Each structure stands twice: as structure tokens, then as C-alpha cells.
Protein backbone atom coordinates (compact mmCIF):
# COMPACT_ATOMS: atom_id res chain seq x y z
CA MET A 1 15.04 37.04 4.29
CA ARG A 2 12.25 39.54 3.61
CA ARG A 3 8.90 39.92 5.35
CA ILE A 4 5.30 40.21 4.20
CA SER A 5 2.65 41.01 6.84
CA GLY A 6 5.11 40.21 9.60
CA ILE A 7 5.81 36.67 8.38
CA ALA A 8 9.29 35.77 7.18
CA ILE A 9 9.49 34.90 3.48
CA PRO A 10 12.46 32.66 2.63
CA SER A 11 14.73 33.84 -0.14
CA LYS A 12 16.09 31.48 -2.78
CA ARG A 13 19.16 30.95 -0.62
CA ASP A 14 17.12 30.55 2.56
CA CYS A 15 14.22 28.39 1.45
CA TYR A 16 13.39 26.34 4.53
CA PRO A 17 10.01 27.02 6.16
CA SER A 18 9.43 27.93 9.78
CA LEU A 19 6.74 27.46 12.42
CA GLU A 20 6.45 31.20 13.00
CA PHE A 21 2.82 31.42 11.95
CA GLU A 22 1.84 28.12 13.59
CA LYS A 23 3.31 29.21 16.91
CA ILE A 24 1.22 32.39 16.85
CA LEU A 25 -1.91 30.31 16.29
CA TRP A 26 -1.00 27.72 18.93
CA LYS A 27 -0.49 30.55 21.42
CA ASP A 28 -3.91 31.94 20.47
CA GLY A 29 -5.53 28.62 21.36
CA PHE A 30 -5.74 26.92 17.97
CA LYS A 31 -4.37 23.49 18.83
CA TYR A 32 -4.85 21.75 15.49
CA VAL A 33 -3.62 23.89 12.63
CA ALA A 34 -3.90 22.33 9.17
CA GLY A 35 -1.57 23.25 6.35
CA VAL A 36 -3.21 22.86 2.92
CA ASP A 37 -1.53 22.78 -0.48
CA GLU A 38 -1.96 21.28 -3.95
CA ALA A 39 0.00 19.72 -6.79
CA GLY A 40 -0.75 19.40 -10.49
CA ARG A 41 -2.57 22.64 -11.25
CA GLY A 42 -0.41 23.31 -14.30
CA ALA A 43 -0.37 19.80 -15.75
CA LEU A 44 -2.02 19.00 -19.07
CA ALA A 45 -3.28 15.60 -17.92
CA GLY A 46 -4.33 13.82 -14.77
CA PRO A 47 -6.00 15.07 -11.60
CA VAL A 48 -5.11 17.94 -9.35
CA ALA A 49 -4.18 16.69 -5.88
CA ALA A 50 -4.40 18.42 -2.53
CA ALA A 51 -3.22 17.50 0.94
CA ALA A 52 -4.03 18.69 4.44
CA VAL A 53 -1.56 18.12 7.28
CA VAL A 54 -2.10 18.72 11.00
CA PHE A 55 0.98 18.67 13.21
CA PRO A 56 1.06 18.58 17.00
CA PRO A 57 1.77 21.97 18.61
CA ASP A 58 5.46 21.22 19.04
CA PRO A 59 8.23 23.68 18.02
CA SER A 60 10.73 20.79 17.84
CA LEU A 61 9.09 19.79 14.56
CA LEU A 62 11.62 22.02 12.83
CA GLN A 63 14.34 19.59 13.87
CA THR A 64 12.26 16.45 13.26
CA LEU A 65 11.39 17.56 9.73
CA ASP A 66 14.46 19.65 8.97
CA GLY A 67 14.61 18.53 5.32
CA VAL A 68 11.02 19.42 4.42
CA ARG A 69 10.38 22.47 2.27
CA ASP A 70 8.29 23.51 -0.72
CA SER A 71 8.01 20.32 -2.77
CA LYS A 72 9.06 22.18 -5.94
CA LEU A 73 12.43 22.85 -4.31
CA MET A 74 13.00 19.17 -3.41
CA THR A 75 14.25 16.35 -5.57
CA PRO A 76 11.94 13.37 -6.22
CA GLN A 77 14.08 11.24 -3.91
CA GLU A 78 13.88 13.85 -1.14
CA ARG A 79 10.10 14.03 -1.46
CA GLU A 80 9.72 10.25 -1.35
CA THR A 81 12.02 10.06 1.69
CA TRP A 82 10.25 12.75 3.68
CA ALA A 83 6.62 11.90 2.82
CA PRO A 84 6.33 8.91 5.20
CA ARG A 85 8.11 10.88 7.92
CA ILE A 86 5.58 13.67 7.55
CA GLN A 87 2.74 11.15 7.82
CA ALA A 88 4.29 9.56 10.91
CA THR A 89 4.81 12.93 12.60
CA ALA A 90 1.40 14.42 11.83
CA VAL A 91 -1.53 13.87 14.17
CA ALA A 92 -3.77 13.82 11.08
CA TRP A 93 -3.40 14.09 7.32
CA GLY A 94 -5.56 13.60 4.24
CA ILE A 95 -5.26 13.51 0.46
CA GLY A 96 -7.92 14.55 -2.05
CA PHE A 97 -8.13 14.54 -5.85
CA ALA A 98 -10.22 16.24 -8.50
CA SER A 99 -10.23 14.47 -11.85
CA ALA A 100 -9.46 15.86 -15.29
CA GLU A 101 -13.20 15.68 -16.03
CA GLU A 102 -13.97 17.76 -12.95
CA ILE A 103 -11.27 20.25 -13.91
CA ASP A 104 -12.84 20.63 -17.37
CA ALA A 105 -16.33 21.00 -15.90
CA LEU A 106 -15.51 23.36 -13.03
CA GLY A 107 -12.28 25.13 -13.95
CA ILE A 108 -8.90 24.56 -12.35
CA VAL A 109 -9.34 26.82 -9.30
CA PRO A 110 -12.75 25.41 -8.22
CA ALA A 111 -11.44 21.88 -8.89
CA THR A 112 -8.38 22.58 -6.75
CA LYS A 113 -10.65 23.75 -3.94
CA LEU A 114 -12.72 20.59 -4.38
CA ALA A 115 -9.60 18.44 -4.00
CA ALA A 116 -8.62 20.38 -0.86
CA THR A 117 -12.11 19.97 0.60
CA ARG A 118 -11.84 16.23 -0.01
CA ALA A 119 -8.46 16.13 1.72
CA LEU A 120 -9.93 17.87 4.76
CA SER A 121 -12.92 15.51 4.66
CA VAL A 122 -10.53 12.57 5.06
CA ILE A 123 -9.30 14.09 8.31
CA LEU A 124 -12.80 14.90 9.50
CA ALA A 125 -13.87 11.32 8.84
CA THR A 126 -11.18 9.86 11.09
CA PRO A 127 -12.26 8.92 14.64
CA THR A 128 -9.81 11.27 16.38
CA HIS A 129 -10.00 14.55 18.24
CA SER A 130 -7.39 16.22 16.02
CA HIS A 131 -9.80 17.83 13.57
CA PRO A 132 -8.49 21.16 12.22
CA ASP A 133 -9.60 24.32 13.97
CA TYR A 134 -7.57 26.64 11.71
CA LEU A 135 -6.29 26.43 8.12
CA ILE A 136 -3.12 27.84 6.61
CA THR A 137 -3.19 27.72 2.82
CA ASP A 138 -0.87 28.60 -0.01
CA TYR A 139 -2.70 31.66 -1.32
CA LEU A 140 -6.08 29.98 -1.92
CA VAL A 141 -9.11 31.12 0.10
CA PHE A 142 -11.92 28.69 0.96
CA PRO A 143 -15.04 30.72 1.83
CA GLU A 144 -17.13 27.54 1.69
CA ILE A 145 -15.15 26.07 4.61
CA GLU A 146 -16.23 27.33 8.03
CA ASN A 147 -12.82 27.07 9.70
CA PRO A 148 -10.93 30.31 10.29
CA GLN A 149 -8.08 30.47 7.81
CA THR A 150 -5.24 32.50 6.42
CA ALA A 151 -4.03 32.40 2.83
CA LEU A 152 -0.30 33.12 2.78
CA ILE A 153 1.65 34.35 -0.20
CA LYS A 154 4.30 31.68 -0.79
CA GLY A 155 2.76 29.69 2.04
CA ASP A 156 4.56 26.55 0.90
CA GLN A 157 7.85 28.33 1.60
CA ILE A 158 6.82 30.09 4.81
CA SER A 159 4.90 27.48 6.78
CA LEU A 160 6.18 24.01 7.63
CA SER A 161 2.59 22.74 7.70
CA VAL A 162 1.93 23.98 4.17
CA SER A 163 5.32 22.73 2.95
CA ALA A 164 4.50 19.29 4.34
CA ALA A 165 1.13 19.37 2.60
CA SER A 166 2.84 20.24 -0.67
CA VAL A 167 5.08 17.18 -0.32
CA LEU A 168 2.17 14.82 0.36
CA ALA A 169 0.12 16.27 -2.50
CA LYS A 170 3.03 15.95 -4.92
CA THR A 171 4.08 12.42 -3.96
CA SER A 172 0.47 11.20 -3.97
CA ARG A 173 -0.19 12.64 -7.41
CA ASP A 174 3.11 11.29 -8.77
CA ALA A 175 2.19 7.83 -7.47
CA TYR A 176 -1.18 8.04 -9.21
CA MET A 177 0.42 9.04 -12.51
CA ARG A 178 2.90 6.17 -12.29
CA GLU A 179 0.08 3.75 -11.55
CA ILE A 180 -2.08 4.91 -14.45
CA ASP A 181 0.80 4.89 -16.95
CA SER A 182 0.14 1.30 -18.06
CA ARG A 183 -3.48 2.11 -18.94
CA TYR A 184 -2.35 4.67 -21.50
CA PRO A 185 0.74 3.28 -23.25
CA GLY A 186 2.74 5.69 -25.34
CA TYR A 187 2.11 8.78 -23.21
CA PHE A 188 4.90 8.11 -20.66
CA PHE A 189 2.86 9.52 -17.77
CA SER A 190 5.18 7.88 -15.24
CA GLN A 191 8.01 10.08 -16.51
CA HIS A 192 6.49 13.53 -16.93
CA LYS A 193 3.43 13.15 -14.65
CA GLY A 194 1.19 14.89 -17.16
CA TYR A 195 3.14 18.13 -17.44
CA GLY A 196 3.88 19.74 -20.78
CA THR A 197 7.35 18.33 -21.41
CA ARG A 198 8.71 17.76 -24.91
CA LEU A 199 8.18 14.00 -24.50
CA HIS A 200 4.55 14.54 -23.54
CA LEU A 201 3.89 16.96 -26.40
CA GLN A 202 5.47 14.56 -28.87
CA SER A 203 3.16 11.81 -27.59
CA LEU A 204 0.18 14.10 -28.02
CA GLU A 205 1.18 14.88 -31.60
CA MET A 206 1.32 11.18 -32.39
CA LEU A 207 -1.62 9.85 -30.37
CA GLY A 208 -3.91 12.79 -29.62
CA MET A 209 -5.61 13.24 -26.26
CA CYS A 210 -6.62 10.36 -24.02
CA ALA A 211 -9.31 10.18 -21.34
CA ILE A 212 -7.24 11.85 -18.62
CA HIS A 213 -6.18 14.87 -20.64
CA ARG A 214 -7.68 18.21 -19.65
CA LYS A 215 -9.64 19.10 -22.75
CA THR A 216 -10.15 22.73 -21.75
CA PHE A 217 -6.43 23.40 -21.33
CA SER A 218 -4.45 25.03 -24.12
CA ILE A 219 -2.03 22.50 -25.62
CA PRO A 220 1.03 24.28 -27.07
CA ILE A 221 1.36 22.20 -30.24
CA SER A 222 -0.19 22.47 -33.69
CA GLY A 223 -2.16 19.87 -35.60
CA LEU A 224 -3.30 18.06 -32.47
CA ALA A 225 -5.88 15.35 -33.09
CA THR A 226 -8.40 14.52 -30.40
CA GLY A 227 -9.58 11.04 -29.72
């Protein structure tokens, strides 16, 4: 394990997150710490999704959620198994999306921030007293959000809250892409979830872009028709 700014960074062989940063914040009086992360930034089609997760200030969460880590390091089955457990353990959680049209209009980073703001708005709209008083994010900074926050390098590997958010963002986006698959036959969105796989690129060569493709993204194939 190596360290950046005093926070342990898991290596490839030691990739489970900790509550090290959360415990510092809890001790400093921040009771409701929200982890924020996204999924789908690099896809060629579909929305970008973001999730916000607030856990109770309980160090035993590491045992309760001992299989949760950066969603990219989990199998689809592991993500689907742990997502409802994360939701049941959290005191609050929210999901937000920004559409392909919004990505094209705003750019991927502003659209990702929009999705994260929407995820936080879901929590703020709930009639509870567990509204976030601090944010931990995976590298992104949200100057438009008033809450104090820290953007961690590899936050989805360091912080259990951010790892959990990455799982909810990924499973929510995957569910959306499976649901929308039937509206766009021939693109196989339920299989590749909009990412630039060979199957997806072959579909694009044959059919051109559909309504949920990101028109401003560079498509790595030649002779692509648009329609």
C-alpha cells in the first residue's frame, strides 16, 4: 500500500477501500458524509450516471460491506449482489443521470457534475435528517455545491463511501441500458452498455448513430453514417 496526502491508496493486490477518511471527518463532527462517483463517462452512447451514498458513522461498515470496492474491479454479479446491500445499509442514497443530449450540449465533465448534483438532490428531497454535510468525490470538484468537500485521487479505491457510490452508479446505468435495448434493436446495448466494444462498433458501421449516441464523441471507425 502507498500513501497520497496521508490517505492509504490500495495497490492492485490490495484493492479494498477503507473508512480512514470517513473516520477523520466523523471525528471532526461531520456526521453525514456522502461519497459521490459516476459511471459511463467513457461510453459512446447512453447517459452518464452518478450516485451519492451516505453511510451512518459506524466503523463496522467495513465488515458489513466487506465485498464492496471500486465497481470496475468487481464482476457484474458482484455489483448486482452488493448494490441492494449498500442501499439497505446507507442512511441515504440517490442516483442522477445526464442524457447523451446534455453531454453533447455541455461536455462530459459538466454533464457528469450535473448528474452528481441530481443524485445529491434526490437525497436532499427526502424527508430525513441525513442530508450530507461533507462530500468525498473521486477526483471531481464541485464548486457550485456549497458543502465542504474533498476530491480524492482514486477515491473509488480509497473510500468505502465512494466505492459504494461507484457500484450504485454502475448498476443503475447498466439497468437503464438493458431497459432501453429494445427501443434500439441491432445495437445490443444490453450487452456492451454503450461502450466502444467491437460488437458496438460493428453495429454503428451497419446502422449509424441512434438517438442516444453521443454525437460529439469521436467514434473510432471509418465510413460511419449518421441517422
